Amino acid sequence: MPNPNELAPLTVIPGALRFNTDSMKLEYYRGGPVGFGTTTQTGEWVNLTTDSPDIQTGGARGVFGSGSPTSIEYVTISTTGNAIGFGNLVFARFGPAACASSTRALFGGGRTPGVSHNEIDYVTIASTGNAQDFGDLTVTMAGAAACSSSTRGIFAGGYSPGGGAPINVIGYVTIASNGTNAQDFGDLSAAKRSGAMCSSSTRGVYAGFGGGGATPVNVIEFITISTLGNVADFGDLTQARDALASCSNATRGLFAGGATPTIVNTIDYISIATLGNAQDFGDLFTGRYYLSAASSNTRGVFTGGGTTPGTNVIEYVTILSTGNAIDFGDLITARTMGVSGCSNGHGGLG
C-alpha cells in the first residue's frame, strides 16, 4: 500500500521550463528517445538560448590564437574579409586547445620548447584586449582538443610533459568561473594527441589521433557534456588521420584537414545526435594539418596550419550543405602548427 506521506514521483512534460540556480540559466525539458534531439531515453534539461552573439558583437565571432605568434585575431563569421587584431595570450605557446561560451573564449595548455603547460587563459569575446589567467588544467597538456556547451568547457587528450607520450585524460571547467581549476571528467578510449573536438549542446565528439610517430586512427567517440564519465564509441572518419580541425552547429559536426600521414584536404561531416560513420563533405583549398576552426550556426571557418612559415589562409563552408571551401580572407600573420580557434556562436551553445 502506498505511503501517504511520500511524494509521488515528479513527471516532467517535454517543453516544461525551469530556472537552474547553479548555471543561472533558463532551461526547457527535451524528451527522448535517443536520436530525436536527446542523448538519453528519459529526456534532459537544455539551456534556453535567450541571447545572441549578434546582439553583442554584430555577429558570431571566430577567435584564433597561438601558433607561431602570441597574438589573438578575430573575424566576424557571417561576413568575409581579413582578420582583425584582438590582443595577446598571457604567454606564447604552441598547441593550446580552445573552447568558448557565448561570452568567453578559453585557451588551455600548450607547449613551449620541451615543456607542456597546464595554464588556461581567457578573453571576453565581445571586446578586444589581452587574455587573463583563468586557472589550471588537471594535467599539463599540449596537442589537446576542446569543446563546450554554454556552461562547461571540455579539454581532452594531448601529450604531457614536453613532447612525450599521449594521454587519455578528459578535464572540465565551468567557463563562467575563472579562478577555479579544471576537474576530472573521465577518460578517452586510449591515450591520444592531435585529435579534434566539436559539440552540440549535449554531446562532445572527439575524432582522430596520431602524431609523435603514432599511426593515425579514424575513431570517433563521444561524451555527454553535462555528466561525468568515459567516452563511448560513435563511429569512424572517412580516413584515419591526425592534426585535423573541427567545428559544428547544433546538429552537424565537421572534421577538416589533417595527416594520414600524407597531408590531406578532406572535410567530413557527422550528425551529432546520432551514431555512425562520417561522410564526405568536400575539400579545403589545399591539404593542411594543425589548422584551426570556428563556427556560427550556419558557417564553419578554417584558418592557419602547416609547417613554418605556415599559412594565413581563411576559408569557409556552409555547414548544412556539402561542397568545397570558399575563400574568406587572410589572417594578419601566417600561423604555423598549433593555432587554435573557437567562437561565441558554435553548436554547443544550443
Protein backbone atom coordinates (compact mmCIF):
# COMPACT_ATOMS: atom_id res chain seq x y z
CA MET A 1 0.00 0.00 0.00
CA PRO A 2 1.47 3.42 -0.89
CA ASN A 3 2.78 5.50 1.99
CA PRO A 4 0.53 8.60 2.14
CA ASN A 5 3.48 10.64 3.49
CA GLU A 6 5.63 10.00 0.39
CA LEU A 7 5.53 12.46 -2.52
CA ALA A 8 4.64 10.95 -5.88
CA PRO A 9 7.47 10.94 -8.47
CA LEU A 10 7.53 14.13 -10.50
CA THR A 11 6.61 13.62 -14.16
CA VAL A 12 8.35 16.15 -16.37
CA ILE A 13 6.50 17.06 -19.55
CA PRO A 14 8.60 17.86 -22.65
CA GLY A 15 8.59 21.62 -23.13
CA ALA A 16 8.46 22.35 -19.37
CA LEU A 17 10.58 25.30 -18.18
CA ARG A 18 12.73 25.78 -15.08
CA PHE A 19 15.38 28.20 -13.81
CA ASN A 20 18.66 26.40 -12.99
CA THR A 21 20.09 28.13 -9.91
CA ASP A 22 23.52 26.51 -10.46
CA SER A 23 24.07 27.77 -14.01
CA MET A 24 21.74 30.80 -13.62
CA LYS A 25 20.13 29.83 -16.94
CA LEU A 26 16.55 29.25 -18.06
CA GLU A 27 16.10 25.64 -19.27
CA TYR A 28 13.48 23.60 -21.08
CA TYR A 29 12.87 19.84 -20.90
CA ARG A 30 13.60 17.98 -24.14
CA GLY A 31 12.08 14.49 -24.27
CA GLY A 32 13.56 11.24 -25.63
CA PRO A 33 14.14 8.85 -27.19
CA VAL A 34 17.74 8.78 -28.37
CA GLY A 35 18.19 10.11 -31.89
CA PHE A 36 15.25 12.53 -31.64
CA GLY A 37 17.09 15.54 -30.22
CA THR A 38 18.35 13.99 -26.98
CA THR A 39 21.05 11.58 -25.87
CA THR A 40 19.02 9.79 -23.16
CA GLN A 41 15.88 7.66 -23.14
CA THR A 42 14.20 9.73 -20.44
CA GLY A 43 14.95 13.22 -21.77
CA GLU A 44 17.10 16.05 -20.45
CA TRP A 45 17.14 19.70 -19.42
CA VAL A 46 18.68 22.04 -22.03
CA ASN A 47 19.62 25.72 -21.86
CA LEU A 48 17.07 28.03 -23.42
CA THR A 49 19.01 30.48 -25.58
CA THR A 50 17.92 33.99 -24.59
CA ASP A 51 20.75 35.99 -26.12
CA SER A 52 22.64 36.06 -29.38
CA PRO A 53 26.18 36.93 -30.37
CA ASP A 54 24.60 39.21 -32.98
CA ILE A 55 23.34 41.45 -30.16
CA GLN A 56 26.74 41.69 -28.52
CA THR A 57 29.15 41.79 -31.47
CA GLY A 58 27.15 42.28 -34.66
CA GLY A 59 27.58 38.59 -35.48
CA ALA A 60 29.25 35.42 -34.26
CA ARG A 61 32.99 35.95 -33.79
CA GLY A 62 35.69 33.43 -34.52
CA VAL A 63 38.73 33.93 -32.27
CA PHE A 64 42.11 32.43 -33.19
CA GLY A 65 45.21 32.31 -31.01
CA SER A 66 48.71 30.88 -30.66
CA GLY A 67 50.59 29.06 -33.36
CA SER A 68 53.78 30.99 -34.04
CA PRO A 69 52.93 34.44 -32.59
CA THR A 70 51.36 35.19 -29.19
CA SER A 71 48.72 37.42 -30.78
CA ILE A 72 44.97 36.69 -30.94
CA GLU A 73 42.96 37.61 -34.05
CA TYR A 74 39.24 37.53 -34.82
CA VAL A 75 36.77 37.51 -37.71
CA THR A 76 33.02 38.06 -37.93
CA ILE A 77 31.92 34.70 -39.30
CA SER A 78 28.83 35.93 -41.19
CA THR A 79 30.96 38.25 -43.34
CA THR A 80 34.13 37.77 -45.38
CA GLY A 81 37.36 39.70 -45.04
CA ASN A 82 40.71 39.72 -43.30
CA ALA A 83 41.18 39.04 -39.59
CA ILE A 84 41.50 41.89 -37.08
CA GLY A 85 43.84 42.10 -34.10
CA PHE A 86 42.26 41.19 -30.75
CA GLY A 87 45.09 41.11 -28.17
CA ASN A 88 47.65 38.64 -26.83
CA LEU A 89 47.69 35.42 -24.86
CA VAL A 90 49.22 35.58 -21.37
CA PHE A 91 52.30 33.91 -22.87
CA ALA A 92 53.19 32.46 -26.26
CA ARG A 93 52.89 28.72 -26.79
CA PHE A 94 52.04 26.19 -29.48
CA GLY A 95 49.09 23.84 -29.39
CA PRO A 96 46.67 25.15 -26.74
CA ALA A 97 43.10 23.87 -27.02
CA ALA A 98 40.30 26.44 -27.36
CA CYS A 99 36.60 26.45 -26.46
CA ALA A 100 34.02 29.11 -25.66
CA SER A 101 30.69 30.11 -24.20
CA SER A 102 28.63 32.92 -25.74
CA THR A 103 30.77 35.42 -23.83
CA ARG A 104 34.21 33.89 -23.09
CA ALA A 105 36.92 32.10 -25.01
CA LEU A 106 39.35 29.80 -23.16
CA PHE A 107 42.80 28.70 -24.34
CA GLY A 108 44.13 25.78 -22.29
CA GLY A 109 47.53 24.13 -22.15
CA GLY A 110 50.07 24.29 -24.96
CA ARG A 111 53.79 23.87 -25.40
CA THR A 112 56.94 25.93 -25.28
CA PRO A 113 60.16 24.15 -26.37
CA GLY A 114 60.45 20.96 -24.32
CA VAL A 115 57.72 21.94 -21.85
CA SER A 116 53.95 21.32 -21.77
CA HIS A 117 51.73 23.69 -19.78
CA ASN A 118 48.53 23.48 -17.72
CA GLU A 119 47.60 27.17 -17.72
CA ILE A 120 44.21 28.35 -19.01
CA ASP A 121 43.81 31.89 -20.39
CA TYR A 122 40.51 33.63 -21.11
CA VAL A 123 39.23 36.60 -23.11
CA THR A 124 35.83 38.28 -23.35
CA ILE A 125 34.85 37.66 -26.97
CA ALA A 126 32.67 40.74 -27.48
CA SER A 127 35.54 43.06 -26.53
CA THR A 128 39.18 43.16 -27.54
CA GLY A 129 42.22 43.05 -25.27
CA ASN A 130 44.81 40.76 -23.77
CA ALA A 131 43.97 37.41 -22.19
CA GLN A 132 43.87 36.93 -18.43
CA ASP A 133 44.62 33.94 -16.22
CA PHE A 134 41.65 31.61 -15.64
CA GLY A 135 43.13 28.69 -13.69
CA ASP A 136 44.85 25.39 -14.45
CA LEU A 137 44.05 22.15 -16.26
CA THR A 138 44.10 18.85 -14.33
CA VAL A 139 47.43 17.97 -16.02
CA THR A 140 49.88 19.63 -18.37
CA MET A 141 48.81 19.02 -21.95
CA ALA A 142 49.71 20.20 -25.44
CA GLY A 143 48.12 18.95 -28.63
CA ALA A 144 44.83 18.52 -26.75
CA ALA A 145 41.32 19.04 -28.16
CA ALA A 146 38.47 21.05 -26.64
CA CYS A 147 34.74 21.67 -26.99
CA SER A 148 32.00 23.19 -24.85
CA SER A 149 28.37 23.66 -24.02
CA SER A 150 27.12 27.08 -22.94
CA THR A 151 28.44 26.45 -19.42
CA ARG A 152 31.16 23.75 -19.50
CA GLY A 153 34.49 23.63 -21.28
CA ILE A 154 35.99 20.19 -22.00
CA PHE A 155 39.72 19.52 -22.60
CA ALA A 156 40.79 16.06 -23.78
CA GLY A 157 43.94 14.17 -24.69
CA GLY A 158 47.25 15.69 -25.74
CA TYR A 159 50.73 14.86 -24.58
CA SER A 160 52.44 15.55 -21.27
CA PRO A 161 55.11 16.55 -20.46
CA GLY A 162 57.10 18.20 -23.25
CA GLY A 163 56.77 16.23 -26.47
CA GLY A 164 56.22 12.96 -24.63
CA ALA A 165 53.67 10.17 -24.78
CA PRO A 166 49.96 10.89 -25.37
CA ILE A 167 47.44 10.90 -22.50
CA ASN A 168 43.79 9.83 -22.16
CA VAL A 169 42.71 12.48 -19.63
CA ILE A 170 39.47 14.47 -20.01
CA GLY A 171 39.01 17.51 -17.73
CA TYR A 172 36.29 20.14 -17.47
CA VAL A 173 35.79 23.69 -16.23
CA THR A 174 32.79 25.92 -15.64
CA ILE A 175 33.51 28.68 -18.17
CA ALA A 176 31.95 31.50 -16.13
CA SER A 177 34.02 30.64 -13.02
CA ASN A 178 37.56 31.89 -13.52
CA GLY A 179 39.91 31.35 -10.60
CA THR A 180 38.97 27.67 -10.34
CA ASN A 181 41.00 24.80 -11.74
CA ALA A 182 39.74 22.05 -14.04
CA GLN A 183 38.29 18.86 -12.56
CA ASP A 184 38.44 15.27 -13.77
CA PHE A 185 35.69 14.28 -16.21
CA GLY A 186 36.71 10.80 -17.37
CA ASP A 187 38.93 9.17 -19.99
CA LEU A 188 39.27 8.77 -23.74
CA SER A 189 39.23 5.20 -25.07
CA ALA A 190 43.02 5.35 -25.36
CA ALA A 191 45.85 7.82 -24.86
CA LYS A 192 45.51 10.31 -27.74
CA ARG A 193 47.02 13.52 -29.09
CA SER A 194 46.41 15.77 -32.10
CA GLY A 195 42.70 14.93 -32.36
CA ALA A 196 39.83 17.41 -32.70
CA MET A 197 36.52 18.05 -30.91
CA CYS A 198 33.17 19.66 -31.66
CA SER A 199 29.85 19.71 -29.81
CA SER A 200 26.12 20.15 -29.69
CA SER A 201 24.53 21.48 -26.51
CA THR A 202 24.57 17.94 -25.07
CA ARG A 203 27.35 15.94 -26.77
CA GLY A 204 31.07 16.45 -27.21
CA VAL A 205 32.62 14.46 -30.08
CA TYR A 206 36.34 13.58 -30.38
CA ALA A 207 37.92 12.28 -33.60
CA GLY A 208 41.35 11.28 -34.85
CA PHE A 209 44.68 10.57 -33.19
CA GLY A 210 48.33 10.39 -34.15
CA GLY A 211 51.49 12.48 -34.10
CA GLY A 212 54.81 11.74 -32.49
CA GLY A 213 55.35 8.64 -34.61
CA ALA A 214 51.93 7.14 -33.79
CA THR A 215 49.84 5.68 -36.60
CA PRO A 216 46.78 7.92 -37.28
CA VAL A 217 43.37 6.42 -36.48
CA ASN A 218 39.83 7.02 -37.76
CA VAL A 219 38.00 6.55 -34.44
CA ILE A 220 35.17 8.92 -33.42
CA GLU A 221 33.90 8.83 -29.81
CA PHE A 222 31.63 11.00 -27.70
CA ILE A 223 30.72 12.18 -24.20
CA THR A 224 27.59 13.71 -22.69
CA ILE A 225 28.88 17.11 -21.57
CA SER A 226 26.56 17.64 -18.59
CA THR A 227 27.61 14.36 -16.95
CA LEU A 228 30.91 12.75 -15.95
CA GLY A 229 32.34 9.55 -17.41
CA ASN A 230 34.39 7.91 -20.12
CA VAL A 231 33.78 8.18 -23.85
CA ALA A 232 31.55 5.86 -25.87
CA ASP A 233 32.04 4.80 -29.49
CA PHE A 234 30.42 6.99 -32.15
CA GLY A 235 31.75 5.70 -35.50
CA ASP A 236 34.66 6.33 -37.88
CA LEU A 237 36.10 9.13 -40.01
CA THR A 238 36.26 8.54 -43.76
CA GLN A 239 40.04 8.14 -43.38
CA ALA A 240 42.43 7.73 -40.47
CA ARG A 241 44.23 10.99 -39.70
CA ASP A 242 45.56 13.32 -37.03
CA ALA A 243 46.24 17.07 -36.69
CA LEU A 244 42.76 17.89 -38.02
CA ALA A 245 40.34 20.68 -37.02
CA SER A 246 36.67 20.54 -36.07
CA CYS A 247 33.66 22.83 -35.67
CA SER A 248 29.88 22.43 -35.57
CA ASN A 249 26.44 23.91 -35.44
CA ALA A 250 23.78 22.40 -33.16
CA THR A 251 23.23 19.36 -35.38
CA ARG A 252 26.23 18.75 -37.64
CA GLY A 253 29.95 18.42 -36.89
CA LEU A 254 32.75 18.93 -39.43
CA PHE A 255 36.29 17.50 -39.37
CA ALA A 256 38.76 19.07 -41.80
CA GLY A 257 42.32 18.54 -42.96
CA GLY A 258 44.96 16.54 -41.11
CA ALA A 259 47.63 13.98 -41.97
CA THR A 260 47.31 10.29 -42.86
CA PRO A 261 50.46 10.85 -42.57
CA THR A 262 50.14 12.40 -46.07
CA ILE A 263 48.64 15.87 -45.57
CA VAL A 264 45.02 15.93 -46.81
CA ASN A 265 42.33 18.48 -47.72
CA THR A 266 39.39 16.24 -46.73
CA ILE A 267 36.31 17.60 -44.95
CA ASP A 268 34.00 15.02 -43.28
CA TYR A 269 30.67 15.55 -41.55
CA ILE A 270 28.58 13.76 -38.92
CA SER A 271 25.10 14.20 -37.43
CA ILE A 272 25.94 14.76 -33.75
CA ALA A 273 22.65 13.46 -32.29
CA THR A 274 23.01 10.06 -33.98
CA LEU A 275 25.77 7.46 -34.11
CA GLY A 276 27.53 6.33 -37.26
CA ASN A 277 30.41 6.91 -39.63
CA ALA A 278 31.37 10.27 -41.08
CA GLN A 279 30.53 11.12 -44.69
CA ASP A 280 32.36 13.18 -47.28
CA PHE A 281 31.52 16.90 -47.22
CA GLY A 282 34.01 18.42 -49.67
CA ASP A 283 37.57 19.73 -49.71
CA LEU A 284 39.72 22.52 -48.36
CA PHE A 285 41.69 24.58 -50.92
CA THR A 286 44.83 22.52 -50.24
CA GLY A 287 45.98 19.87 -47.83
CA ARG A 288 46.59 21.36 -44.37
CA TYR A 289 47.30 20.00 -40.90
CA TYR A 290 47.45 21.53 -37.42
CA LEU A 291 44.90 24.08 -38.62
CA SER A 292 42.10 25.61 -36.53
CA ALA A 293 38.34 26.06 -36.90
CA ALA A 294 35.43 28.11 -35.55
CA SER A 295 31.74 28.25 -36.44
CA SER A 296 28.42 30.04 -36.31
CA ASN A 297 25.10 28.24 -36.67
CA THR A 298 25.50 28.41 -40.45
CA ARG A 299 29.22 28.60 -41.32
CA GLY A 300 32.42 26.78 -40.49
CA VAL A 301 35.68 28.73 -40.84
CA PHE A 302 39.16 27.15 -41.14
CA THR A 303 42.44 29.03 -40.64
CA GLY A 304 46.21 28.66 -40.47
CA GLY A 305 48.21 25.49 -40.01
CA GLY A 306 51.16 23.78 -41.63
CA THR A 307 54.88 23.91 -41.01
CA THR A 308 56.96 27.10 -40.82
CA PRO A 309 56.08 29.68 -42.04
CA GLY A 310 52.53 28.32 -42.02
CA THR A 311 49.64 29.89 -43.88
CA ASN A 312 47.44 32.96 -43.45
CA VAL A 313 44.54 31.50 -45.46
CA ILE A 314 40.98 31.68 -44.08
CA GLU A 315 38.28 29.68 -45.88
CA TYR A 316 34.68 28.77 -45.07
CA VAL A 317 31.86 26.35 -45.79
CA THR A 318 28.10 26.38 -45.21
CA ILE A 319 27.65 23.68 -42.57
CA LEU A 320 24.25 22.32 -43.60
CA SER A 321 25.26 21.96 -47.25
CA THR A 322 28.09 19.97 -48.79
CA GLY A 323 30.82 21.24 -51.11
CA ASN A 324 34.31 22.66 -51.25
CA ALA A 325 35.55 25.55 -49.11
CA ILE A 326 35.35 29.16 -50.33
CA ASP A 327 37.83 31.99 -49.77
CA PHE A 328 37.07 34.13 -46.70
CA GLY A 329 40.16 36.35 -46.32
CA ASP A 330 43.54 36.28 -44.60
CA LEU A 331 44.95 36.18 -41.10
CA ILE A 332 47.16 39.12 -40.12
CA THR A 333 50.04 36.70 -39.58
CA ALA A 334 50.66 33.29 -41.13
CA ARG A 335 50.10 30.70 -38.40
CA THR A 336 52.14 27.53 -38.13
CA MET A 337 51.08 24.28 -36.48
CA GLY A 338 49.47 24.75 -33.09
CA VAL A 339 46.96 27.52 -33.85
CA SER A 340 43.58 27.14 -32.09
CA GLY A 341 40.13 28.63 -32.66
CA CYS A 342 36.67 28.92 -31.12
CA SER A 343 33.60 31.16 -31.37
CA ASN A 344 30.64 32.61 -29.49
CA GLY A 345 28.17 31.10 -31.96
CA HIS A 346 29.05 27.39 -32.16
CA GLY A 347 26.71 24.41 -31.92
CA GLY A 348 27.36 23.70 -28.25
CA LEU A 349 25.51 26.87 -27.25
CA GLY A 350 22.13 25.43 -28.21
